[in-house]
Amino acid sequence: MKAAVYDVEGAPGVLQYVDVPDPVAGPDDVLISVEAISIEGGDLINRRSTPPPLPSWIVGYAAAGTVVAVGAKVRSRRVGDRVTAFSMQGSHAERWAVPAERTWLIPDGVDAAEAAVVPISFGTAHHCLFTRGMLRPGETVLIQAAAGGVGLAAVQLASQAGATVIAVASGTQRRSRLLELGADHVVDRVENNVVDSVREYTHGAGVDLVIDPVGTTLPDSLAALAPEGRLVFVGNAGGGSLAVDLWPPMQSNQTLMGVFMGPLFERTGVRTSVDEILQAVAEGRLRVVIDRIFPLANAAAAHEYAETAKPLGRIVMKP
């Protein structure tokens, strides 16, 4: 099969499109013929900064396609099922072997590209907002990096849950799209001070909850938070230090919660939320925003675009 691989970490150009052996499904796995691959922030970070443990390493957390083989112990999936999947590596390929428990059936009305995006973007946003962030109707939530995959999902989910949504992004196109998807206010981080804008929108009170997938924005996120507010930080898309002064949040009785979704996707609550979100996409109640689709053969260009073009939504590749 063809795959995008790398032998040394670095810039997008380290990715090579080559022939590699087909993966084999283990007893608890399914083998997927991949139809769409969602490029996730973790894929970019891993390729850029993590030495591969083996030569011809295949990066990638998320993809969707059709099951072509099932392991001996698998009872929940069968050949021909359309599934979307998460695993810690291997999605940047024509075929992908993953544990059956890390797959979700794709309902009618959802295409492979949309389905590939859902588990990480929407599953992460849902977990951060409701399981960890305990968002309630009538509260105000600040969403950093709102034009990214997790951010766009969080805007929709929070709005539909009855929260007031303040989204942080940049540019007129992003502002219009975020308002369309449910944001009540959009702060252009290039033109405006985020903390000052939040204070204005909340009449000085601050927000009840912040969702921060960036990391380098944590000081602003804390400064925008109301006393006894909650901050959920997930990932480190900004690639910088996560060091913050914890004395002010302690004095304000604020709660900081970290989220790393990797070990959580097999939990019943997370699996159920992703199933429900896929159904909501099928029914048109939630929208998956895809900025651009590349062929897998152009994986280096796709990674370059994802890192430098400030896309609105996810970048998808197709074998």
C-alpha atoms as a PDB file:
ATOM      1  CA  MET A   1       0.000   0.000   0.000  1.00  0.00           C
ATOM      2  CA  LYS A   2       0.953   3.659  -0.268  1.00  0.00           C
ATOM      3  CA  ALA A   3       1.541   5.743   2.840  1.00  0.00           C
ATOM      4  CA  ALA A   4       3.023   9.060   3.956  1.00  0.00           C
ATOM      5  CA  VAL A   5       6.010   8.190   6.156  1.00  0.00           C
ATOM      6  CA  TYR A   6       8.978   9.880   7.789  1.00  0.00           C
ATOM      7  CA  ASP A   7      12.338   8.673   9.121  1.00  0.00           C
ATOM      8  CA  VAL A   8      13.338  11.785  11.020  1.00  0.00           C
ATOM      9  CA  GLU A   9      11.240  14.485  12.683  1.00  0.00           C
ATOM     10  CA  GLY A  10      11.141  17.924  11.113  1.00  0.00           C
ATOM     11  CA  ALA A  11       9.401  20.223   8.654  1.00  0.00           C
ATOM     12  CA  PRO A  12       6.591  18.925   6.400  1.00  0.00           C
ATOM     13  CA  GLY A  13       9.145  18.028   3.725  1.00  0.00           C
ATOM     14  CA  VAL A  14      10.304  15.037   5.794  1.00  0.00           C
ATOM     15  CA  LEU A  15       7.119  13.231   4.714  1.00  0.00           C
ATOM     16  CA  GLN A  16       7.613  10.807   1.833  1.00  0.00           C
ATOM     17  CA  TYR A  17       4.901   9.038  -0.166  1.00  0.00           C
ATOM     18  CA  VAL A  18       6.121   5.470  -0.537  1.00  0.00           C
ATOM     19  CA  ASP A  19       5.126   1.819  -0.735  1.00  0.00           C
ATOM     20  CA  VAL A  20       5.005   0.008   2.614  1.00  0.00           C
ATOM     21  CA  PRO A  21       3.677  -3.425   3.660  1.00  0.00           C
ATOM     22  CA  ASP A  22      -0.038  -3.658   4.327  1.00  0.00           C
ATOM     23  CA  PRO A  23      -0.928  -3.733   8.042  1.00  0.00           C
ATOM     24  CA  VAL A  24      -2.427  -6.899   9.485  1.00  0.00           C
ATOM     25  CA  ALA A  25      -5.430  -6.814  11.790  1.00  0.00           C
ATOM     26  CA  GLY A  26      -4.749  -8.293  15.224  1.00  0.00           C
ATOM     27  CA  PRO A  27      -7.383 -10.332  17.059  1.00  0.00           C
ATOM     28  CA  ASP A  28      -9.087  -7.222  18.484  1.00  0.00           C
ATOM     29  CA  ASP A  29      -8.605  -5.040  15.396  1.00  0.00           C
ATOM     30  CA  VAL A  30     -10.361  -4.110  12.199  1.00  0.00           C
ATOM     31  CA  LEU A  31      -8.544  -3.359   8.957  1.00  0.00           C
ATOM     32  CA  ILE A  32      -9.875  -0.238   7.249  1.00  0.00           C
ATOM     33  CA  SER A  33      -9.594   0.701   3.594  1.00  0.00           C
ATOM     34  CA  VAL A  34      -9.047   4.399   4.173  1.00  0.00           C
ATOM     35  CA  GLU A  35     -11.157   6.907   2.250  1.00  0.00           C
ATOM     36  CA  ALA A  36     -10.433  10.131   4.158  1.00  0.00           C
ATOM     37  CA  ILE A  37      -7.808  11.261   6.688  1.00  0.00           C
ATOM     38  CA  SER A  38      -8.237  14.205   9.054  1.00  0.00           C
ATOM     39  CA  ILE A  39      -4.986  16.031   9.819  1.00  0.00           C
ATOM     40  CA  GLU A  40      -4.959  16.693  13.547  1.00  0.00           C
ATOM     41  CA  GLY A  41      -2.847  19.109  15.547  1.00  0.00           C
ATOM     42  CA  GLY A  42      -1.123  16.177  17.230  1.00  0.00           C
ATOM     43  CA  ASP A  43      -0.086  14.835  13.817  1.00  0.00           C
ATOM     44  CA  LEU A  44       1.718  18.087  13.091  1.00  0.00           C
ATOM     45  CA  ILE A  45       3.388  18.204  16.504  1.00  0.00           C
ATOM     46  CA  ASN A  46       4.507  14.564  16.291  1.00  0.00           C
ATOM     47  CA  ARG A  47       5.951  14.942  12.791  1.00  0.00           C
ATOM     48  CA  ARG A  48       7.670  18.169  13.745  1.00  0.00           C
ATOM     49  CA  SER A  49       9.158  17.212  17.103  1.00  0.00           C
ATOM     50  CA  THR A  50       8.895  13.502  17.950  1.00  0.00           C
ATOM     51  CA  PRO A  51      11.657  11.155  16.716  1.00  0.00           C
ATOM     52  CA  PRO A  52       9.955   8.187  15.031  1.00  0.00           C
ATOM     53  CA  PRO A  53      10.441   4.912  16.930  1.00  0.00           C
ATOM     54  CA  LEU A  54      10.850   2.943  13.689  1.00  0.00           C
ATOM     55  CA  PRO A  55      11.892   3.704  10.108  1.00  0.00           C
ATOM     56  CA  SER A  56       9.124   4.597   7.641  1.00  0.00           C
ATOM     57  CA  TRP A  57       6.910   5.725  10.513  1.00  0.00           C
ATOM     58  CA  ILE A  58       3.295   6.435   9.586  1.00  0.00           C
ATOM     59  CA  VAL A  59       1.874   9.366  11.522  1.00  0.00           C
ATOM     60  CA  GLY A  60      -1.827  10.094  12.019  1.00  0.00           C
ATOM     61  CA  TYR A  61      -4.632   9.898  14.575  1.00  0.00           C
ATOM     62  CA  ALA A  62      -7.844   9.952  12.531  1.00  0.00           C
ATOM     63  CA  ALA A  63      -9.346   8.471   9.372  1.00  0.00           C
ATOM     64  CA  ALA A  64     -12.539   6.963   8.001  1.00  0.00           C
ATOM     65  CA  GLY A  65     -13.290   4.264   5.464  1.00  0.00           C
ATOM     66  CA  THR A  66     -14.658   0.752   5.006  1.00  0.00           C
ATOM     67  CA  VAL A  67     -13.806  -2.355   7.030  1.00  0.00           C
ATOM     68  CA  VAL A  68     -12.129  -4.979   4.823  1.00  0.00           C
ATOM     69  CA  ALA A  69     -11.075  -7.482   7.521  1.00  0.00           C
ATOM     70  CA  VAL A  70     -11.859  -8.145  11.189  1.00  0.00           C
ATOM     71  CA  GLY A  71      -9.810  -9.826  13.916  1.00  0.00           C
ATOM     72  CA  ALA A  72     -10.754 -13.193  15.377  1.00  0.00           C
ATOM     73  CA  LYS A  73     -12.162 -11.688  18.605  1.00  0.00           C
ATOM     74  CA  VAL A  74     -14.128  -8.846  17.010  1.00  0.00           C
ATOM     75  CA  ARG A  75     -17.910  -9.182  17.216  1.00  0.00           C
ATOM     76  CA  SER A  76     -19.037  -5.545  16.957  1.00  0.00           C
ATOM     77  CA  ARG A  77     -17.838  -4.905  13.391  1.00  0.00           C
ATOM     78  CA  ARG A  78     -18.018  -6.767  10.100  1.00  0.00           C
ATOM     79  CA  VAL A  79     -16.576  -6.491   6.627  1.00  0.00           C
ATOM     80  CA  GLY A  80     -18.351  -3.739   4.713  1.00  0.00           C
ATOM     81  CA  ASP A  81     -19.082  -1.495   7.694  1.00  0.00           C
ATOM     82  CA  ARG A  82     -18.354   2.188   7.130  1.00  0.00           C
ATOM     83  CA  VAL A  83     -16.407   3.435  10.143  1.00  0.00           C
ATOM     84  CA  THR A  84     -14.463   6.375  11.448  1.00  0.00           C
ATOM     85  CA  ALA A  85     -11.558   5.687  13.763  1.00  0.00           C
ATOM     86  CA  PHE A  86      -8.998   7.034  16.201  1.00  0.00           C
ATOM     87  CA  SER A  87      -5.634   5.587  17.138  1.00  0.00           C
ATOM     88  CA  MET A  88      -2.264   6.971  18.164  1.00  0.00           C
ATOM     89  CA  GLN A  89      -0.571   6.517  14.766  1.00  0.00           C
ATOM     90  CA  GLY A  90      -0.969   5.083  11.288  1.00  0.00           C
ATOM     91  CA  SER A  91      -3.838   6.982   9.620  1.00  0.00           C
ATOM     92  CA  HIS A  92      -1.753   8.535   6.808  1.00  0.00           C
ATOM     93  CA  ALA A  93      -2.057   5.419   4.648  1.00  0.00           C
ATOM     94  CA  GLU A  94      -4.311   3.526   2.257  1.00  0.00           C
ATOM     95  CA  ARG A  95      -5.025   0.885   4.922  1.00  0.00           C
ATOM     96  CA  TRP A  96      -5.123   1.133   8.710  1.00  0.00           C
ATOM     97  CA  ALA A  97      -5.437  -1.540  11.397  1.00  0.00           C
ATOM     98  CA  VAL A  98      -7.019  -0.189  14.604  1.00  0.00           C
ATOM     99  CA  PRO A  99      -8.753  -1.689  17.662  1.00  0.00           C
ATOM    100  CA  ALA A 100     -12.446  -2.172  16.965  1.00  0.00           C
ATOM    101  CA  GLU A 101     -13.219  -0.316  20.205  1.00  0.00           C
ATOM    102  CA  ARG A 102     -11.701   2.823  18.674  1.00  0.00           C
ATOM    103  CA  THR A 103     -14.103   2.850  15.727  1.00  0.00           C
ATOM    104  CA  TRP A 104     -17.603   4.272  15.252  1.00  0.00           C
ATOM    105  CA  LEU A 105     -20.170   3.315  12.637  1.00  0.00           C
ATOM    106  CA  ILE A 106     -20.842   6.090  10.136  1.00  0.00           C
ATOM    107  CA  PRO A 107     -24.565   6.797   9.722  1.00  0.00           C
ATOM    108  CA  ASP A 108     -26.151   7.335   6.317  1.00  0.00           C
ATOM    109  CA  GLY A 109     -25.862  10.934   5.190  1.00  0.00           C
ATOM    110  CA  VAL A 110     -22.311  11.466   6.523  1.00  0.00           C
ATOM    111  CA  ASP A 111     -19.467  11.262   4.032  1.00  0.00           C
ATOM    112  CA  ALA A 112     -16.035   9.863   4.857  1.00  0.00           C
ATOM    113  CA  ALA A 113     -14.335  13.276   5.051  1.00  0.00           C
ATOM    114  CA  GLU A 114     -16.871  14.575   7.588  1.00  0.00           C
ATOM    115  CA  ALA A 115     -16.722  11.343   9.563  1.00  0.00           C
ATOM    116  CA  ALA A 116     -12.916  11.407   9.765  1.00  0.00           C
ATOM    117  CA  VAL A 117     -13.049  14.817  11.469  1.00  0.00           C
ATOM    118  CA  VAL A 118     -15.730  14.057  14.057  1.00  0.00           C
ATOM    119  CA  PRO A 119     -14.150  11.872  16.786  1.00  0.00           C
ATOM    120  CA  ILE A 120     -11.233  14.126  17.695  1.00  0.00           C
ATOM    121  CA  SER A 121     -12.692  17.573  16.933  1.00  0.00           C
ATOM    122  CA  PHE A 122     -16.199  17.042  18.270  1.00  0.00           C
ATOM    123  CA  GLY A 123     -15.394  14.312  20.798  1.00  0.00           C
ATOM    124  CA  THR A 124     -12.728  16.521  22.358  1.00  0.00           C
ATOM    125  CA  ALA A 125     -14.936  19.621  22.361  1.00  0.00           C
ATOM    126  CA  HIS A 126     -17.829  17.731  23.977  1.00  0.00           C
ATOM    127  CA  HIS A 127     -15.619  16.233  26.684  1.00  0.00           C
ATOM    128  CA  CYS A 128     -14.019  19.604  27.468  1.00  0.00           C
ATOM    129  CA  LEU A 129     -17.292  21.525  27.563  1.00  0.00           C
ATOM    130  CA  PHE A 130     -19.532  19.134  29.448  1.00  0.00           C
ATOM    131  CA  THR A 131     -17.634  16.324  31.180  1.00  0.00           C
ATOM    132  CA  ARG A 132     -14.763  18.475  32.427  1.00  0.00           C
ATOM    133  CA  GLY A 133     -16.069  22.030  32.002  1.00  0.00           C
ATOM    134  CA  MET A 134     -19.560  21.261  33.356  1.00  0.00           C
ATOM    135  CA  LEU A 135     -21.066  23.942  31.119  1.00  0.00           C
ATOM    136  CA  ARG A 136     -24.620  24.892  32.021  1.00  0.00           C
ATOM    137  CA  PRO A 137     -27.305  26.831  30.097  1.00  0.00           C
ATOM    138  CA  GLY A 138     -27.000  30.568  30.637  1.00  0.00           C
ATOM    139  CA  GLU A 139     -23.255  30.506  31.319  1.00  0.00           C
ATOM    140  CA  THR A 140     -20.672  32.317  29.195  1.00  0.00           C
ATOM    141  CA  VAL A 141     -17.813  30.403  27.567  1.00  0.00           C
ATOM    142  CA  LEU A 142     -14.663  31.730  25.881  1.00  0.00           C
ATOM    143  CA  ILE A 143     -13.291  29.515  23.106  1.00  0.00           C
ATOM    144  CA  GLN A 144      -9.692  30.118  22.073  1.00  0.00           C
ATOM    145  CA  ALA A 145      -8.626  29.160  18.506  1.00  0.00           C
ATOM    146  CA  ALA A 146     -12.291  29.042  17.553  1.00  0.00           C
ATOM    147  CA  ALA A 147     -11.517  28.646  13.824  1.00  0.00           C
ATOM    148  CA  GLY A 148      -9.756  25.314  14.407  1.00  0.00           C
ATOM    149  CA  GLY A 149     -11.371  21.893  14.419  1.00  0.00           C
ATOM    150  CA  VAL A 150     -11.984  21.684  18.172  1.00  0.00           C
ATOM    151  CA  GLY A 151     -12.933  25.365  18.321  1.00  0.00           C
ATOM    152  CA  LEU A 152     -15.569  25.162  15.580  1.00  0.00           C
ATOM    153  CA  ALA A 153     -17.059  22.092  17.245  1.00  0.00           C
ATOM    154  CA  ALA A 154     -17.066  23.775  20.649  1.00  0.00           C
ATOM    155  CA  VAL A 155     -18.809  26.885  19.303  1.00  0.00           C
ATOM    156  CA  GLN A 156     -21.679  24.803  17.923  1.00  0.00           C
ATOM    157  CA  LEU A 157     -22.029  22.508  20.928  1.00  0.00           C
ATOM    158  CA  ALA A 158     -21.894  25.344  23.460  1.00  0.00           C
ATOM    159  CA  SER A 159     -24.363  27.481  21.538  1.00  0.00           C
ATOM    160  CA  GLN A 160     -26.834  24.623  21.196  1.00  0.00           C
ATOM    161  CA  ALA A 161     -26.499  23.955  24.941  1.00  0.00           C
ATOM    162  CA  GLY A 162     -27.764  27.460  25.708  1.00  0.00           C
ATOM    163  CA  ALA A 163     -24.471  29.166  26.564  1.00  0.00           C
ATOM    164  CA  THR A 164     -23.298  32.603  25.480  1.00  0.00           C
ATOM    165  CA  VAL A 165     -20.284  31.982  23.254  1.00  0.00           C
ATOM    166  CA  ILE A 166     -17.304  34.327  22.866  1.00  0.00           C
ATOM    167  CA  ALA A 167     -15.060  33.023  20.084  1.00  0.00           C
ATOM    168  CA  VAL A 168     -11.465  34.091  19.452  1.00  0.00           C
ATOM    169  CA  ALA A 169     -10.208  34.061  15.863  1.00  0.00           C
ATOM    170  CA  SER A 170      -8.846  36.471  13.266  1.00  0.00           C
ATOM    171  CA  GLY A 171     -10.129  37.783   9.943  1.00  0.00           C
ATOM    172  CA  THR A 172     -13.502  38.767   8.490  1.00  0.00           C
ATOM    173  CA  GLN A 173     -14.232  35.385   6.901  1.00  0.00           C
ATOM    174  CA  ARG A 174     -13.688  33.575  10.187  1.00  0.00           C
ATOM    175  CA  ARG A 175     -15.875  36.075  12.048  1.00  0.00           C
ATOM    176  CA  SER A 176     -18.777  35.589   9.647  1.00  0.00           C
ATOM    177  CA  ARG A 177     -18.536  31.823   9.763  1.00  0.00           C
ATOM    178  CA  LEU A 178     -18.312  31.688  13.553  1.00  0.00           C
ATOM    179  CA  LEU A 179     -21.353  33.922  13.962  1.00  0.00           C
ATOM    180  CA  GLU A 180     -23.230  31.683  11.526  1.00  0.00           C
ATOM    181  CA  LEU A 181     -22.301  28.613  13.579  1.00  0.00           C
ATOM    182  CA  GLY A 182     -23.558  30.082  16.855  1.00  0.00           C
ATOM    183  CA  ALA A 183     -21.004  32.453  18.356  1.00  0.00           C
ATOM    184  CA  ASP A 184     -22.545  35.467  20.067  1.00  0.00           C
ATOM    185  CA  HIS A 185     -19.330  37.519  19.932  1.00  0.00           C
ATOM    186  CA  VAL A 186     -16.117  37.096  17.947  1.00  0.00           C
ATOM    187  CA  VAL A 187     -12.871  38.686  19.121  1.00  0.00           C
ATOM    188  CA  ASP A 188     -10.302  39.327  16.396  1.00  0.00           C
ATOM    189  CA  ARG A 189      -7.133  38.527  18.308  1.00  0.00           C
ATOM    190  CA  VAL A 190      -5.013  40.536  15.846  1.00  0.00           C
ATOM    191  CA  GLU A 191      -7.072  43.717  16.084  1.00  0.00           C
ATOM    192  CA  ASN A 192      -8.281  43.549  19.698  1.00  0.00           C
ATOM    193  CA  ASN A 193      -7.100  42.633  23.168  1.00  0.00           C
ATOM    194  CA  VAL A 194      -8.887  39.414  24.085  1.00  0.00           C
ATOM    195  CA  VAL A 195      -9.089  40.083  27.831  1.00  0.00           C
ATOM    196  CA  ASP A 196     -10.372  43.648  27.359  1.00  0.00           C
ATOM    197  CA  SER A 197     -13.000  42.425  24.880  1.00  0.00           C
ATOM    198  CA  VAL A 198     -14.175  39.713  27.256  1.00  0.00           C
ATOM    199  CA  ARG A 199     -14.495  42.232  30.092  1.00  0.00           C
ATOM    200  CA  GLU A 200     -16.562  44.468  27.807  1.00  0.00           C
ATOM    201  CA  TYR A 201     -18.901  41.661  26.685  1.00  0.00           C
ATOM    202  CA  THR A 202     -19.376  40.384  30.244  1.00  0.00           C
ATOM    203  CA  HIS A 203     -19.658  43.835  31.851  1.00  0.00           C
ATOM    204  CA  GLY A 204     -16.471  43.183  33.822  1.00  0.00           C
ATOM    205  CA  ALA A 205     -17.526  39.824  35.240  1.00  0.00           C
ATOM    206  CA  GLY A 206     -15.380  37.506  33.126  1.00  0.00           C
ATOM    207  CA  VAL A 207     -16.462  34.177  31.646  1.00  0.00           C
ATOM    208  CA  ASP A 208     -17.606  31.080  33.509  1.00  0.00           C
ATOM    209  CA  LEU A 209     -15.600  28.679  31.351  1.00  0.00           C
ATOM    210  CA  VAL A 210     -12.652  28.841  28.952  1.00  0.00           C
ATOM    211  CA  ILE A 211     -11.754  26.138  26.430  1.00  0.00           C
ATOM    212  CA  ASP A 212      -8.095  26.591  25.425  1.00  0.00           C
ATOM    213  CA  PRO A 213      -6.533  24.242  22.843  1.00  0.00           C
ATOM    214  CA  VAL A 214      -3.602  26.604  22.182  1.00  0.00           C
ATOM    215  CA  GLY A 215      -1.483  26.576  25.323  1.00  0.00           C
ATOM    216  CA  THR A 216       0.427  29.805  24.742  1.00  0.00           C
ATOM    217  CA  THR A 217      -2.841  31.690  25.360  1.00  0.00           C
ATOM    218  CA  LEU A 218      -3.231  30.349  28.926  1.00  0.00           C
ATOM    219  CA  PRO A 219      -2.309  33.674  30.608  1.00  0.00           C
ATOM    220  CA  ASP A 220      -5.051  35.482  28.664  1.00  0.00           C
ATOM    221  CA  SER A 221      -7.481  32.642  29.327  1.00  0.00           C
ATOM    222  CA  LEU A 222      -6.921  32.922  33.060  1.00  0.00           C
ATOM    223  CA  ALA A 223      -7.191  36.718  32.980  1.00  0.00           C
ATOM    224  CA  ALA A 224     -10.555  36.448  31.179  1.00  0.00           C
ATOM    225  CA  LEU A 225     -11.972  33.992  33.694  1.00  0.00           C
ATOM    226  CA  ALA A 226     -14.488  34.999  36.366  1.00  0.00           C
ATOM    227  CA  PRO A 227     -13.838  34.245  40.043  1.00  0.00           C
ATOM    228  CA  GLU A 228     -14.645  30.544  40.644  1.00  0.00           C
ATOM    229  CA  GLY A 229     -14.562  30.008  36.879  1.00  0.00           C
ATOM    230  CA  ARG A 230     -13.216  26.902  35.114  1.00  0.00           C
ATOM    231  CA  LEU A 231     -10.428  26.642  32.557  1.00  0.00           C
ATOM    232  CA  VAL A 232     -10.012  23.511  30.449  1.00  0.00           C
ATOM    233  CA  PHE A 233      -6.761  23.353  28.498  1.00  0.00           C
ATOM    234  CA  VAL A 234      -6.418  20.649  25.868  1.00  0.00           C
ATOM    235  CA  GLY A 235      -3.348  20.086  23.715  1.00  0.00           C
ATOM    236  CA  ASN A 236      -0.647  22.599  22.928  1.00  0.00           C
ATOM    237  CA  ALA A 237      -1.290  23.777  19.388  1.00  0.00           C
ATOM    238  CA  GLY A 238       0.781  26.893  20.032  1.00  0.00           C
ATOM    239  CA  GLY A 239       3.826  24.732  20.666  1.00  0.00           C
ATOM    240  CA  GLY A 240       5.169  26.935  23.476  1.00  0.00           C
ATOM    241  CA  SER A 241       5.571  26.757  27.221  1.00  0.00           C
ATOM    242  CA  LEU A 242       2.547  25.886  29.352  1.00  0.00           C
ATOM    243  CA  ALA A 243       4.007  27.610  32.413  1.00  0.00           C
ATOM    244  CA  VAL A 244       1.610  29.990  34.169  1.00  0.00           C
ATOM    245  CA  ASP A 245       1.513  31.810  37.494  1.00  0.00           C
ATOM    246  CA  LEU A 246      -0.917  29.813  39.642  1.00  0.00           C
ATOM    247  CA  TRP A 247      -1.117  32.297  42.488  1.00  0.00           C
ATOM    248  CA  PRO A 248      -3.850  34.536  40.927  1.00  0.00           C
ATOM    249  CA  PRO A 249      -6.188  31.629  40.029  1.00  0.00           C
ATOM    250  CA  MET A 250      -5.775  30.216  43.523  1.00  0.00           C
ATOM    251  CA  GLN A 251      -6.741  33.564  45.011  1.00  0.00           C
ATOM    252  CA  SER A 252      -9.763  33.692  42.689  1.00  0.00           C
ATOM    253  CA  ASN A 253     -10.842  30.127  43.548  1.00  0.00           C
ATOM    254  CA  GLN A 254     -10.595  29.145  39.878  1.00  0.00           C
ATOM    255  CA  THR A 255     -10.299  25.587  38.610  1.00  0.00           C
ATOM    256  CA  LEU A 256      -7.794  24.493  35.950  1.00  0.00           C
ATOM    257  CA  MET A 257      -8.300  21.147  34.232  1.00  0.00           C
ATOM    258  CA  GLY A 258      -6.030  19.483  31.690  1.00  0.00           C
ATOM    259  CA  VAL A 259      -7.398  17.148  29.021  1.00  0.00           C
ATOM    260  CA  PHE A 260      -5.471  14.626  26.931  1.00  0.00           C
ATOM    261  CA  MET A 261      -7.967  12.623  24.896  1.00  0.00           C
ATOM    262  CA  GLY A 262      -5.685   9.762  23.793  1.00  0.00           C
ATOM    263  CA  PRO A 263      -6.606   7.286  26.567  1.00  0.00           C
ATOM    264  CA  LEU A 264     -10.232   8.430  26.818  1.00  0.00           C
ATOM    265  CA  PHE A 265     -11.777   7.430  23.493  1.00  0.00           C
ATOM    266  CA  GLU A 266     -12.599   3.890  24.611  1.00  0.00           C
ATOM    267  CA  ARG A 267     -14.608   5.167  27.604  1.00  0.00           C
ATOM    268  CA  THR A 268     -18.316   4.488  27.297  1.00  0.00           C
ATOM    269  CA  GLY A 269     -19.318   8.138  27.790  1.00  0.00           C
ATOM    270  CA  VAL A 270     -16.919   9.394  25.127  1.00  0.00           C
ATOM    271  CA  ARG A 271     -17.896   6.653  22.676  1.00  0.00           C
ATOM    272  CA  THR A 272     -21.579   7.448  23.189  1.00  0.00           C
ATOM    273  CA  SER A 273     -21.064  11.179  22.689  1.00  0.00           C
ATOM    274  CA  VAL A 274     -19.245  10.579  19.387  1.00  0.00           C
ATOM    275  CA  ASP A 275     -22.058   8.272  18.203  1.00  0.00           C
ATOM    276  CA  GLU A 276     -24.605  10.962  19.050  1.00  0.00           C
ATOM    277  CA  ILE A 277     -22.577  13.655  17.315  1.00  0.00           C
ATOM    278  CA  LEU A 278     -22.271  11.573  14.143  1.00  0.00           C
ATOM    279  CA  GLN A 279     -26.060  11.225  14.142  1.00  0.00           C
ATOM    280  CA  ALA A 280     -26.438  14.983  14.640  1.00  0.00           C
ATOM    281  CA  VAL A 281     -24.183  15.577  11.626  1.00  0.00           C
ATOM    282  CA  ALA A 282     -26.290  13.145   9.585  1.00  0.00           C
ATOM    283  CA  GLU A 283     -29.424  15.084  10.555  1.00  0.00           C
ATOM    284  CA  GLY A 284     -27.850  18.465   9.783  1.00  0.00           C
ATOM    285  CA  ARG A 285     -27.893  19.682  13.399  1.00  0.00           C
ATOM    286  CA  LEU A 286     -24.095  19.985  13.513  1.00  0.00           C
ATOM    287  CA  ARG A 287     -21.763  20.980  10.694  1.00  0.00           C
ATOM    288  CA  VAL A 288     -18.269  19.711   9.979  1.00  0.00           C
ATOM    289  CA  VAL A 289     -16.125  22.471   8.474  1.00  0.00           C
ATOM    290  CA  ILE A 290     -13.411  21.311   6.068  1.00  0.00           C
ATOM    291  CA  ASP A 291     -11.090  23.963   4.687  1.00  0.00           C
ATOM    292  CA  ARG A 292      -9.395  21.969   1.941  1.00  0.00           C
ATOM    293  CA  ILE A 293      -8.896  18.405   0.690  1.00  0.00           C
ATOM    294  CA  PHE A 294      -5.510  17.155  -0.555  1.00  0.00           C
ATOM    295  CA  PRO A 295      -4.500  13.826  -2.090  1.00  0.00           C
ATOM    296  CA  LEU A 296      -2.485  11.681   0.316  1.00  0.00           C
ATOM    297  CA  ALA A 297       0.302  11.746  -2.273  1.00  0.00           C
ATOM    298  CA  ASN A 298       0.679  15.446  -1.401  1.00  0.00           C
ATOM    299  CA  ALA A 299       0.862  14.884   2.362  1.00  0.00           C
ATOM    300  CA  ALA A 300       3.854  17.210   2.748  1.00  0.00           C
ATOM    301  CA  ALA A 301       1.935  20.042   1.079  1.00  0.00           C
ATOM    302  CA  ALA A 302      -1.140  19.258   3.181  1.00  0.00           C
ATOM    303  CA  HIS A 303       0.870  19.467   6.407  1.00  0.00           C
ATOM    304  CA  GLU A 304       2.504  22.690   5.234  1.00  0.00           C
ATOM    305  CA  TYR A 305      -0.899  24.198   4.503  1.00  0.00           C
ATOM    306  CA  ALA A 306      -2.292  23.071   7.863  1.00  0.00           C
ATOM    307  CA  GLU A 307       0.637  24.691   9.671  1.00  0.00           C
ATOM    308  CA  THR A 308       0.947  27.970   7.783  1.00  0.00           C
ATOM    309  CA  ALA A 309      -2.294  28.900   6.003  1.00  0.00           C
ATOM    310  CA  LYS A 310      -4.453  29.542   9.082  1.00  0.00           C
ATOM    311  CA  PRO A 311      -7.236  27.312   7.747  1.00  0.00           C
ATOM    312  CA  LEU A 312     -10.860  27.538   8.800  1.00  0.00           C
ATOM    313  CA  GLY A 313     -11.643  24.031  10.009  1.00  0.00           C
ATOM    314  CA  ARG A 314      -9.819  20.789   9.291  1.00  0.00           C
ATOM    315  CA  ILE A 315      -7.568  19.739   6.423  1.00  0.00           C
ATOM    316  CA  VAL A 316      -8.455  16.347   4.962  1.00  0.00           C
ATOM    317  CA  MET A 317      -6.451  14.006   2.728  1.00  0.00           C
ATOM    318  CA  LYS A 318      -7.767  11.265   0.461  1.00  0.00           C
ATOM    319  CA  PRO A 319      -5.733   8.263  -0.775  1.00  0.00           C
END
